[in-house]
Amino acid sequence: MIILAILATIIVGCIGAAFGHDLMNGFSELGSILAVAIMGGFIMIENKRTNKK
């Protein structure tokens, strides 16, 4: 699960940065924002999963 979270964060960050830079007139910070949001989602899922035990 950790490796999946890391890979997903990197991929979404790169795609978001490319999308923001090319299509949103230089908003390359979009990649960082999406990467943080994705990692936060994985952290929340992991916390919910461990609290059920």
C-alpha atoms as a PDB file:
ATOM      1  CA  MET A   1       0.000   0.000   0.000  1.00  0.00           C
ATOM      2  CA  ILE A   2       2.865   2.373   0.766  1.00  0.00           C
ATOM      3  CA  ILE A   3       4.510   1.823  -2.611  1.00  0.00           C
ATOM      4  CA  LEU A   4       1.164   2.373  -4.349  1.00  0.00           C
ATOM      5  CA  ALA A   5       0.694   5.639  -2.444  1.00  0.00           C
ATOM      6  CA  ILE A   6       4.174   6.866  -3.357  1.00  0.00           C
ATOM      7  CA  LEU A   7       3.796   5.976  -7.038  1.00  0.00           C
ATOM      8  CA  ALA A   8       0.326   7.483  -7.271  1.00  0.00           C
ATOM      9  CA  THR A   9       1.523  10.683  -5.620  1.00  0.00           C
ATOM     10  CA  ILE A  10       4.475  11.038  -7.993  1.00  0.00           C
ATOM     11  CA  ILE A  11       2.399  10.283 -11.081  1.00  0.00           C
ATOM     12  CA  VAL A  12      -0.451  12.616 -10.126  1.00  0.00           C
ATOM     13  CA  GLY A  13       2.046  15.336  -9.198  1.00  0.00           C
ATOM     14  CA  CYS A  14       3.814  15.134 -12.549  1.00  0.00           C
ATOM     15  CA  ILE A  15       0.591  15.019 -14.551  1.00  0.00           C
ATOM     16  CA  GLY A  16      -0.860  17.886 -12.532  1.00  0.00           C
ATOM     17  CA  ALA A  17       2.256  20.008 -13.034  1.00  0.00           C
ATOM     18  CA  ALA A  18       2.248  19.352 -16.776  1.00  0.00           C
ATOM     19  CA  PHE A  19      -1.482  20.012 -17.051  1.00  0.00           C
ATOM     20  CA  GLY A  20      -1.247  23.199 -14.998  1.00  0.00           C
ATOM     21  CA  HIS A  21       1.758  24.510 -16.875  1.00  0.00           C
ATOM     22  CA  ASP A  22       0.450  23.817 -20.377  1.00  0.00           C
ATOM     23  CA  LEU A  23      -3.279  24.376 -20.111  1.00  0.00           C
ATOM     24  CA  MET A  24      -3.721  26.769 -17.196  1.00  0.00           C
ATOM     25  CA  ASN A  25      -1.194  29.430 -18.230  1.00  0.00           C
ATOM     26  CA  GLY A  26       1.708  28.625 -15.933  1.00  0.00           C
ATOM     27  CA  PHE A  27      -0.131  27.253 -12.884  1.00  0.00           C
ATOM     28  CA  SER A  28       2.521  24.558 -12.339  1.00  0.00           C
ATOM     29  CA  GLU A  29       1.793  24.542  -8.584  1.00  0.00           C
ATOM     30  CA  LEU A  30      -1.221  22.405  -9.445  1.00  0.00           C
ATOM     31  CA  GLY A  31       1.029  19.335  -9.356  1.00  0.00           C
ATOM     32  CA  SER A  32       2.106  20.023  -5.777  1.00  0.00           C
ATOM     33  CA  ILE A  33      -1.447  20.699  -4.673  1.00  0.00           C
ATOM     34  CA  LEU A  34      -2.744  17.476  -6.214  1.00  0.00           C
ATOM     35  CA  ALA A  35       0.159  15.439  -4.808  1.00  0.00           C
ATOM     36  CA  VAL A  36      -0.536  16.676  -1.276  1.00  0.00           C
ATOM     37  CA  ALA A  37      -4.251  15.977  -1.684  1.00  0.00           C
ATOM     38  CA  ILE A  38      -3.610  12.438  -2.924  1.00  0.00           C
ATOM     39  CA  MET A  39      -1.169  11.673  -0.109  1.00  0.00           C
ATOM     40  CA  GLY A  40      -3.646  13.080   2.427  1.00  0.00           C
ATOM     41  CA  GLY A  41      -6.301  10.773   1.042  1.00  0.00           C
ATOM     42  CA  PHE A  42      -4.025   7.760   1.405  1.00  0.00           C
ATOM     43  CA  ILE A  43      -3.199   8.766   4.988  1.00  0.00           C
ATOM     44  CA  MET A  44      -6.891   9.102   5.843  1.00  0.00           C
ATOM     45  CA  ILE A  45      -7.669   5.708   4.311  1.00  0.00           C
ATOM     46  CA  GLU A  46      -4.823   4.083   6.253  1.00  0.00           C
ATOM     47  CA  ASN A  47      -5.965   5.689   9.526  1.00  0.00           C
ATOM     48  CA  LYS A  48      -9.514   4.474   8.980  1.00  0.00           C
ATOM     49  CA  ARG A  49      -8.260   0.977   8.181  1.00  0.00           C
ATOM     50  CA  THR A  50      -6.072   0.732  11.302  1.00  0.00           C
ATOM     51  CA  ASN A  51      -8.768   2.163  13.607  1.00  0.00           C
ATOM     52  CA  LYS A  52     -11.183  -0.633  12.641  1.00  0.00           C
ATOM     53  CA  LYS A  53      -8.894  -3.278  14.118  1.00  0.00           C
END
